[in-house]
Amino acid sequence: MKIEIIDEPIRFHLHGIAGVVENERFGEVGLRLMNEMWQVVKSARIPTTGINHWVYLPHGRMFVGVELRNAQQIPTPNQIEPLEFELQRHMKHVHVGPYQALPQKWKDLKAELADCGEIISSPSLEIYGHHCNEPSKLETTILIGLQTNPT
């Protein structure tokens, strides 16, 4: 499994919908939030990059959003909220395969990070590539926030 530790900050400016995840039902809650977000975005005709971002926040919260094109020039409906954050340091892994394999992939990645002595911080996220009909070719970029090394 190929992972990359990145020590350069990456910043995200997303717009979407947040929710609470109970009983580790991330997939179910994420799909619901994503469908709600796209319904609002499409009905308001908001131009986006079309790339879904599922952000895993502390305390069982989740945010599903998308980057807007020309975000400063577009009024957004009240149902859509902004989320800006920066990962100072993170692990990057590109998962190729069906979405159903993602829970096991997360377990494997977390175990590998622990074996390397890394400490996971928040947030972490999945960035979904454009959808294709062949599940074995689906690409999901996983970014896991890591604690910064003391200088």
N, C-alpha and C. Protein backbone atom coordinates (compact mmCIF):
# COMPACT_ATOMS: atom_id res chain seq x y z
N MET A 1 0.85 -1.17 0.00
CA MET A 1 0.00 0.00 0.00
C MET A 1 0.90 1.23 0.00
N LYS A 2 0.67 2.11 -0.96
CA LYS A 2 1.53 3.29 -1.10
C LYS A 2 0.92 4.46 -0.34
N ILE A 3 1.69 4.96 0.65
CA ILE A 3 1.27 6.18 1.34
C ILE A 3 2.40 7.19 1.20
N GLU A 4 1.99 8.44 1.29
CA GLU A 4 2.94 9.54 1.19
C GLU A 4 2.69 10.48 2.37
N ILE A 5 3.74 10.81 3.11
CA ILE A 5 3.63 11.79 4.19
C ILE A 5 4.03 13.14 3.61
N ILE A 6 3.13 14.12 3.74
CA ILE A 6 3.36 15.44 3.15
C ILE A 6 3.47 16.46 4.28
N ASP A 7 4.59 17.18 4.30
CA ASP A 7 4.85 18.17 5.35
C ASP A 7 4.54 19.59 4.91
N GLU A 8 3.95 19.77 3.74
CA GLU A 8 3.57 21.10 3.27
C GLU A 8 2.08 21.29 3.46
N PRO A 9 1.67 22.46 3.95
CA PRO A 9 0.24 22.70 4.20
C PRO A 9 -0.58 22.65 2.91
N ILE A 10 -1.80 22.17 3.06
CA ILE A 10 -2.78 22.20 1.97
C ILE A 10 -4.05 22.81 2.53
N ARG A 11 -4.64 23.73 1.76
CA ARG A 11 -5.80 24.48 2.24
C ARG A 11 -7.02 24.12 1.41
N PHE A 12 -8.16 24.07 2.09
CA PHE A 12 -9.43 23.75 1.43
C PHE A 12 -10.44 24.85 1.70
N HIS A 13 -11.18 25.22 0.67
CA HIS A 13 -12.28 26.19 0.74
C HIS A 13 -13.50 25.48 0.14
N LEU A 14 -14.30 24.90 0.99
CA LEU A 14 -15.42 24.10 0.53
C LEU A 14 -16.76 24.74 0.91
N HIS A 15 -17.78 24.34 0.21
CA HIS A 15 -19.15 24.73 0.55
C HIS A 15 -19.99 23.47 0.53
N GLY A 16 -20.80 23.27 1.58
CA GLY A 16 -21.59 22.06 1.64
C GLY A 16 -22.48 22.00 2.85
N ILE A 17 -22.69 20.77 3.35
CA ILE A 17 -23.62 20.53 4.44
C ILE A 17 -22.95 19.63 5.47
N ALA A 18 -23.15 19.97 6.75
CA ALA A 18 -22.56 19.20 7.85
C ALA A 18 -23.63 18.37 8.53
N GLY A 19 -23.19 17.33 9.22
CA GLY A 19 -24.11 16.50 9.97
C GLY A 19 -23.38 15.70 11.03
N VAL A 20 -24.15 15.03 11.86
CA VAL A 20 -23.61 14.20 12.93
C VAL A 20 -23.68 12.75 12.48
N VAL A 21 -22.61 12.00 12.75
CA VAL A 21 -22.56 10.58 12.42
C VAL A 21 -22.71 9.77 13.70
N GLU A 22 -23.74 8.95 13.75
CA GLU A 22 -23.94 8.08 14.91
C GLU A 22 -23.63 6.65 14.52
N ASN A 23 -23.12 5.89 15.47
CA ASN A 23 -22.83 4.46 15.29
C ASN A 23 -21.92 4.18 14.10
N GLU A 24 -20.97 5.10 13.83
CA GLU A 24 -19.97 4.90 12.76
C GLU A 24 -20.60 4.69 11.39
N ARG A 25 -21.76 5.27 11.14
CA ARG A 25 -22.46 5.09 9.86
C ARG A 25 -22.04 6.19 8.87
N PHE A 26 -20.74 6.28 8.63
CA PHE A 26 -20.19 7.34 7.80
C PHE A 26 -20.71 7.30 6.36
N GLY A 27 -20.75 6.11 5.77
CA GLY A 27 -21.21 5.98 4.39
C GLY A 27 -22.65 6.43 4.23
N GLU A 28 -23.50 5.99 5.12
CA GLU A 28 -24.92 6.34 5.06
C GLU A 28 -25.13 7.85 5.24
N VAL A 29 -24.49 8.41 6.25
CA VAL A 29 -24.64 9.85 6.51
C VAL A 29 -24.00 10.66 5.38
N GLY A 30 -22.83 10.23 4.92
CA GLY A 30 -22.16 10.94 3.83
C GLY A 30 -22.99 10.98 2.57
N LEU A 31 -23.60 9.86 2.21
CA LEU A 31 -24.46 9.83 1.01
C LEU A 31 -25.65 10.76 1.16
N ARG A 32 -26.26 10.75 2.35
CA ARG A 32 -27.42 11.63 2.58
C ARG A 32 -27.01 13.10 2.45
N LEU A 33 -25.90 13.47 3.10
CA LEU A 33 -25.42 14.85 3.03
C LEU A 33 -25.05 15.24 1.60
N MET A 34 -24.39 14.32 0.90
CA MET A 34 -23.98 14.61 -0.48
C MET A 34 -25.20 14.83 -1.37
N ASN A 35 -26.21 13.98 -1.23
CA ASN A 35 -27.42 14.14 -2.05
C ASN A 35 -28.13 15.46 -1.73
N GLU A 36 -28.20 15.80 -0.44
CA GLU A 36 -28.81 17.09 -0.06
C GLU A 36 -28.02 18.25 -0.66
N MET A 37 -26.69 18.18 -0.55
CA MET A 37 -25.85 19.26 -1.06
C MET A 37 -26.04 19.44 -2.57
N TRP A 38 -25.99 18.33 -3.32
CA TRP A 38 -26.11 18.45 -4.78
C TRP A 38 -27.50 18.93 -5.19
N GLN A 39 -28.51 18.57 -4.45
CA GLN A 39 -29.85 19.06 -4.78
C GLN A 39 -29.89 20.59 -4.67
N VAL A 40 -29.31 21.13 -3.60
CA VAL A 40 -29.29 22.58 -3.40
C VAL A 40 -28.40 23.25 -4.45
N VAL A 41 -27.20 22.70 -4.66
CA VAL A 41 -26.25 23.29 -5.60
C VAL A 41 -26.81 23.32 -7.01
N LYS A 42 -27.41 22.22 -7.43
CA LYS A 42 -27.96 22.16 -8.80
C LYS A 42 -29.17 23.06 -8.97
N SER A 43 -30.05 23.09 -7.97
CA SER A 43 -31.24 23.94 -8.11
C SER A 43 -30.88 25.42 -8.11
N ALA A 44 -29.79 25.78 -7.41
CA ALA A 44 -29.34 27.18 -7.40
C ALA A 44 -28.38 27.48 -8.55
N ARG A 45 -28.05 26.45 -9.33
CA ARG A 45 -27.14 26.60 -10.48
C ARG A 45 -25.80 27.20 -10.10
N ILE A 46 -25.24 26.67 -9.03
CA ILE A 46 -23.95 27.14 -8.54
C ILE A 46 -22.85 26.39 -9.28
N PRO A 47 -21.94 27.10 -9.95
CA PRO A 47 -20.86 26.41 -10.65
C PRO A 47 -19.82 25.85 -9.66
N THR A 48 -19.49 24.56 -9.82
CA THR A 48 -18.56 23.89 -8.93
C THR A 48 -17.51 23.14 -9.75
N THR A 49 -16.54 22.57 -9.04
CA THR A 49 -15.55 21.71 -9.68
C THR A 49 -16.13 20.32 -9.94
N GLY A 50 -17.23 19.98 -9.26
CA GLY A 50 -17.85 18.68 -9.43
C GLY A 50 -17.20 17.57 -8.60
N ILE A 51 -16.24 17.92 -7.77
CA ILE A 51 -15.50 16.92 -6.99
C ILE A 51 -16.02 16.93 -5.55
N ASN A 52 -16.51 15.78 -5.09
CA ASN A 52 -17.02 15.65 -3.72
C ASN A 52 -15.88 15.52 -2.72
N HIS A 53 -16.02 16.22 -1.60
CA HIS A 53 -15.08 16.13 -0.48
C HIS A 53 -15.88 15.71 0.75
N TRP A 54 -15.52 14.57 1.33
CA TRP A 54 -16.13 14.12 2.58
C TRP A 54 -15.11 14.39 3.67
N VAL A 55 -15.44 15.31 4.57
CA VAL A 55 -14.51 15.74 5.62
C VAL A 55 -14.96 15.14 6.95
N TYR A 56 -14.03 14.45 7.60
CA TYR A 56 -14.31 13.83 8.89
C TYR A 56 -13.78 14.74 9.99
N LEU A 57 -14.70 15.27 10.77
CA LEU A 57 -14.39 16.26 11.80
C LEU A 57 -14.42 15.61 13.18
N PRO A 58 -13.91 16.32 14.20
CA PRO A 58 -13.96 15.76 15.57
C PRO A 58 -15.40 15.60 16.06
N HIS A 59 -15.55 14.82 17.11
CA HIS A 59 -16.81 14.66 17.84
C HIS A 59 -17.92 14.07 16.97
N GLY A 60 -17.57 13.14 16.07
CA GLY A 60 -18.58 12.45 15.28
C GLY A 60 -19.30 13.31 14.27
N ARG A 61 -18.63 14.37 13.82
CA ARG A 61 -19.25 15.24 12.82
C ARG A 61 -18.62 15.00 11.46
N MET A 62 -19.38 15.32 10.44
CA MET A 62 -18.94 15.11 9.07
C MET A 62 -19.45 16.28 8.23
N PHE A 63 -18.67 16.65 7.22
CA PHE A 63 -19.04 17.72 6.30
C PHE A 63 -18.85 17.19 4.89
N VAL A 64 -19.84 17.34 4.05
CA VAL A 64 -19.72 16.97 2.65
C VAL A 64 -19.84 18.23 1.83
N GLY A 65 -18.80 18.51 1.03
CA GLY A 65 -18.80 19.75 0.28
C GLY A 65 -18.09 19.64 -1.05
N VAL A 66 -18.06 20.77 -1.72
CA VAL A 66 -17.48 20.88 -3.04
C VAL A 66 -16.82 22.25 -3.16
N GLU A 67 -15.82 22.36 -4.01
CA GLU A 67 -15.22 23.66 -4.27
C GLU A 67 -16.09 24.39 -5.30
N LEU A 68 -16.30 25.68 -5.05
CA LEU A 68 -17.08 26.48 -5.98
C LEU A 68 -16.16 27.18 -6.98
N ARG A 69 -16.66 27.39 -8.16
CA ARG A 69 -15.94 28.22 -9.13
C ARG A 69 -16.42 29.65 -8.90
N ASN A 70 -15.51 30.60 -8.86
CA ASN A 70 -15.84 32.01 -8.63
C ASN A 70 -16.63 32.19 -7.33
N ALA A 71 -16.13 31.59 -6.25
CA ALA A 71 -16.87 31.58 -4.98
C ALA A 71 -17.18 32.97 -4.45
N GLN A 72 -16.31 33.94 -4.67
CA GLN A 72 -16.54 35.28 -4.12
C GLN A 72 -17.69 35.99 -4.83
N GLN A 73 -17.99 35.58 -6.05
CA GLN A 73 -18.98 36.29 -6.85
C GLN A 73 -20.38 35.67 -6.79
N ILE A 74 -20.50 34.55 -6.08
CA ILE A 74 -21.76 33.82 -6.12
C ILE A 74 -22.42 33.79 -4.75
N PRO A 75 -23.67 34.28 -4.65
CA PRO A 75 -24.38 34.10 -3.38
C PRO A 75 -24.79 32.63 -3.25
N THR A 76 -24.63 32.08 -2.05
CA THR A 76 -25.00 30.68 -1.86
C THR A 76 -26.26 30.59 -0.99
N PRO A 77 -27.10 29.60 -1.26
CA PRO A 77 -28.31 29.41 -0.46
C PRO A 77 -27.97 29.15 1.01
N ASN A 78 -28.91 29.44 1.90
CA ASN A 78 -28.69 29.28 3.34
C ASN A 78 -28.36 27.84 3.74
N GLN A 79 -28.84 26.86 2.96
CA GLN A 79 -28.59 25.46 3.31
C GLN A 79 -27.11 25.08 3.14
N ILE A 80 -26.39 25.85 2.34
CA ILE A 80 -24.98 25.57 2.06
C ILE A 80 -24.12 26.45 2.95
N GLU A 81 -23.18 25.83 3.66
CA GLU A 81 -22.30 26.59 4.53
C GLU A 81 -20.85 26.42 4.08
N PRO A 82 -20.01 27.42 4.35
CA PRO A 82 -18.60 27.29 4.00
C PRO A 82 -17.83 26.52 5.07
N LEU A 83 -16.78 25.86 4.65
CA LEU A 83 -15.83 25.23 5.57
C LEU A 83 -14.44 25.45 4.99
N GLU A 84 -13.62 26.15 5.76
CA GLU A 84 -12.24 26.36 5.37
C GLU A 84 -11.34 25.73 6.42
N PHE A 85 -10.33 25.01 5.97
CA PHE A 85 -9.38 24.42 6.91
C PHE A 85 -8.08 24.16 6.18
N GLU A 86 -7.06 23.93 6.96
CA GLU A 86 -5.73 23.64 6.43
C GLU A 86 -5.17 22.43 7.14
N LEU A 87 -4.60 21.54 6.38
CA LEU A 87 -3.84 20.43 6.95
C LEU A 87 -2.38 20.84 6.91
N GLN A 88 -1.78 21.03 8.07
CA GLN A 88 -0.37 21.41 8.13
C GLN A 88 0.52 20.26 7.66
N ARG A 89 0.10 19.06 8.02
CA ARG A 89 0.86 17.85 7.72
C ARG A 89 -0.16 16.73 7.54
N HIS A 90 0.05 15.89 6.54
CA HIS A 90 -0.94 14.84 6.31
C HIS A 90 -0.35 13.66 5.54
N MET A 91 -1.08 12.57 5.57
CA MET A 91 -0.77 11.39 4.79
C MET A 91 -1.71 11.39 3.58
N LYS A 92 -1.17 10.99 2.44
CA LYS A 92 -1.98 10.92 1.22
C LYS A 92 -1.90 9.50 0.66
N HIS A 93 -3.07 8.99 0.30
CA HIS A 93 -3.14 7.68 -0.34
C HIS A 93 -4.25 7.72 -1.37
N VAL A 94 -4.01 7.20 -2.56
CA VAL A 94 -5.05 7.11 -3.57
C VAL A 94 -5.56 5.67 -3.61
N HIS A 95 -6.82 5.52 -3.24
CA HIS A 95 -7.48 4.22 -3.27
C HIS A 95 -8.10 4.04 -4.65
N VAL A 96 -7.76 2.94 -5.32
CA VAL A 96 -8.37 2.60 -6.59
C VAL A 96 -9.19 1.34 -6.38
N GLY A 97 -10.48 1.46 -6.56
CA GLY A 97 -11.35 0.32 -6.35
C GLY A 97 -12.70 0.76 -5.85
N PRO A 98 -13.55 -0.19 -5.51
CA PRO A 98 -14.93 0.13 -5.12
C PRO A 98 -14.98 0.89 -3.80
N TYR A 99 -15.98 1.74 -3.70
CA TYR A 99 -16.18 2.52 -2.48
C TYR A 99 -16.42 1.62 -1.27
N GLN A 100 -17.01 0.44 -1.48
CA GLN A 100 -17.30 -0.47 -0.38
C GLN A 100 -16.03 -0.93 0.33
N ALA A 101 -14.88 -0.82 -0.34
CA ALA A 101 -13.61 -1.23 0.26
C ALA A 101 -12.98 -0.13 1.12
N LEU A 102 -13.57 1.05 1.13
CA LEU A 102 -12.97 2.17 1.87
C LEU A 102 -12.89 1.97 3.38
N PRO A 103 -13.91 1.42 4.05
CA PRO A 103 -13.77 1.23 5.51
C PRO A 103 -12.55 0.37 5.88
N GLN A 104 -12.31 -0.70 5.13
CA GLN A 104 -11.15 -1.53 5.42
C GLN A 104 -9.86 -0.79 5.08
N LYS A 105 -9.89 -0.01 4.02
CA LYS A 105 -8.69 0.77 3.64
C LYS A 105 -8.32 1.74 4.75
N TRP A 106 -9.33 2.41 5.33
CA TRP A 106 -9.06 3.33 6.45
C TRP A 106 -8.42 2.59 7.62
N LYS A 107 -8.93 1.40 7.95
CA LYS A 107 -8.35 0.62 9.05
C LYS A 107 -6.89 0.29 8.75
N ASP A 108 -6.63 -0.13 7.51
CA ASP A 108 -5.26 -0.48 7.12
C ASP A 108 -4.33 0.74 7.19
N LEU A 109 -4.81 1.88 6.70
CA LEU A 109 -3.99 3.10 6.72
C LEU A 109 -3.70 3.54 8.14
N LYS A 110 -4.71 3.51 9.00
CA LYS A 110 -4.51 3.92 10.40
C LYS A 110 -3.52 2.99 11.09
N ALA A 111 -3.60 1.69 10.81
CA ALA A 111 -2.66 0.74 11.40
C ALA A 111 -1.24 1.00 10.91
N GLU A 112 -1.09 1.28 9.64
CA GLU A 112 0.24 1.56 9.08
C GLU A 112 0.82 2.84 9.69
N LEU A 113 -0.02 3.87 9.85
CA LEU A 113 0.46 5.11 10.46
C LEU A 113 0.89 4.87 11.91
N ALA A 114 0.12 4.09 12.64
CA ALA A 114 0.48 3.78 14.02
C ALA A 114 1.80 3.02 14.07
N ASP A 115 2.00 2.09 13.15
CA ASP A 115 3.26 1.33 13.09
C ASP A 115 4.45 2.25 12.82
N CYS A 116 4.20 3.34 12.11
CA CYS A 116 5.28 4.31 11.79
C CYS A 116 5.46 5.34 12.90
N GLY A 117 4.63 5.28 13.96
CA GLY A 117 4.74 6.23 15.05
C GLY A 117 4.04 7.55 14.80
N GLU A 118 3.21 7.60 13.78
CA GLU A 118 2.48 8.83 13.46
C GLU A 118 1.24 8.95 14.35
N ILE A 119 0.87 10.19 14.68
CA ILE A 119 -0.32 10.46 15.47
C ILE A 119 -1.32 11.20 14.59
N ILE A 120 -2.50 10.60 14.46
CA ILE A 120 -3.54 11.18 13.60
C ILE A 120 -4.18 12.37 14.29
N SER A 121 -4.38 13.44 13.52
CA SER A 121 -5.10 14.61 14.02
C SER A 121 -6.32 14.83 13.13
N SER A 122 -6.99 15.91 13.36
CA SER A 122 -8.22 16.16 12.62
C SER A 122 -8.10 17.48 11.87
N PRO A 123 -8.76 17.63 10.76
CA PRO A 123 -9.65 16.69 10.10
C PRO A 123 -8.91 15.73 9.16
N SER A 124 -9.66 14.77 8.65
CA SER A 124 -9.22 13.89 7.57
C SER A 124 -10.32 13.92 6.52
N LEU A 125 -10.01 13.52 5.30
CA LEU A 125 -11.03 13.59 4.27
C LEU A 125 -10.80 12.62 3.14
N GLU A 126 -11.86 12.44 2.37
CA GLU A 126 -11.83 11.70 1.12
C GLU A 126 -12.21 12.66 0.01
N ILE A 127 -11.47 12.59 -1.08
CA ILE A 127 -11.77 13.40 -2.26
C ILE A 127 -12.07 12.41 -3.38
N TYR A 128 -13.28 12.50 -3.90
CA TYR A 128 -13.73 11.54 -4.89
C TYR A 128 -13.48 12.07 -6.29
N GLY A 129 -12.84 11.25 -7.12
CA GLY A 129 -12.66 11.60 -8.52
C GLY A 129 -14.00 11.53 -9.23
N HIS A 130 -14.02 11.95 -10.47
CA HIS A 130 -15.27 11.88 -11.23
C HIS A 130 -15.71 10.43 -11.35
N HIS A 131 -16.99 10.20 -11.21
CA HIS A 131 -17.54 8.85 -11.18
C HIS A 131 -17.36 8.14 -12.53
N CYS A 132 -17.11 6.85 -12.46
CA CYS A 132 -17.13 6.01 -13.65
C CYS A 132 -17.95 4.77 -13.33
N ASN A 133 -18.36 4.05 -14.34
CA ASN A 133 -19.26 2.91 -14.13
C ASN A 133 -18.54 1.62 -13.76
N GLU A 134 -17.22 1.62 -13.79
CA GLU A 134 -16.44 0.42 -13.45
C GLU A 134 -15.89 0.56 -12.03
N PRO A 135 -16.50 -0.13 -11.03
CA PRO A 135 -16.09 0.03 -9.64
C PRO A 135 -14.60 -0.20 -9.39
N SER A 136 -13.98 -1.08 -10.15
CA SER A 136 -12.56 -1.36 -9.92
C SER A 136 -11.66 -0.20 -10.34
N LYS A 137 -12.21 0.78 -11.07
CA LYS A 137 -11.41 1.92 -11.53
C LYS A 137 -11.72 3.22 -10.80
N LEU A 138 -12.63 3.17 -9.81
CA LEU A 138 -12.97 4.38 -9.05
C LEU A 138 -11.74 4.84 -8.25
N GLU A 139 -11.49 6.14 -8.25
CA GLU A 139 -10.36 6.70 -7.50
C GLU A 139 -10.85 7.60 -6.38
N THR A 140 -10.34 7.34 -5.18
CA THR A 140 -10.65 8.16 -4.01
C THR A 140 -9.33 8.53 -3.35
N THR A 141 -9.07 9.82 -3.24
CA THR A 141 -7.87 10.29 -2.55
C THR A 141 -8.21 10.44 -1.07
N ILE A 142 -7.43 9.78 -0.24
CA ILE A 142 -7.62 9.84 1.21
C ILE A 142 -6.50 10.70 1.79
N LEU A 143 -6.90 11.73 2.54
CA LEU A 143 -5.94 12.58 3.24
C LEU A 143 -6.23 12.46 4.73
N ILE A 144 -5.24 12.03 5.49
CA ILE A 144 -5.40 11.89 6.94
C ILE A 144 -4.50 12.91 7.61
N GLY A 145 -5.12 13.81 8.38
CA GLY A 145 -4.36 14.81 9.10
C GLY A 145 -3.44 14.16 10.12
N LEU A 146 -2.20 14.66 10.19
CA LEU A 146 -1.22 14.14 11.14
C LEU A 146 -0.72 15.24 12.06
N GLN A 147 -0.37 14.85 13.25
CA GLN A 147 0.21 15.80 14.20
C GLN A 147 1.53 16.29 13.63
N THR A 148 1.78 17.59 13.81
CA THR A 148 3.04 18.13 13.30
C THR A 148 4.18 17.69 14.20
N ASN A 149 5.33 17.54 13.59
CA ASN A 149 6.52 17.16 14.35
C ASN A 149 7.02 18.36 15.13
N PRO A 150 7.39 18.18 16.39
CA PRO A 150 7.95 19.29 17.14
C PRO A 150 9.27 19.74 16.52
N THR A 151 9.48 21.04 16.46
CA THR A 151 10.72 21.55 15.87
C THR A 151 11.79 21.77 16.89
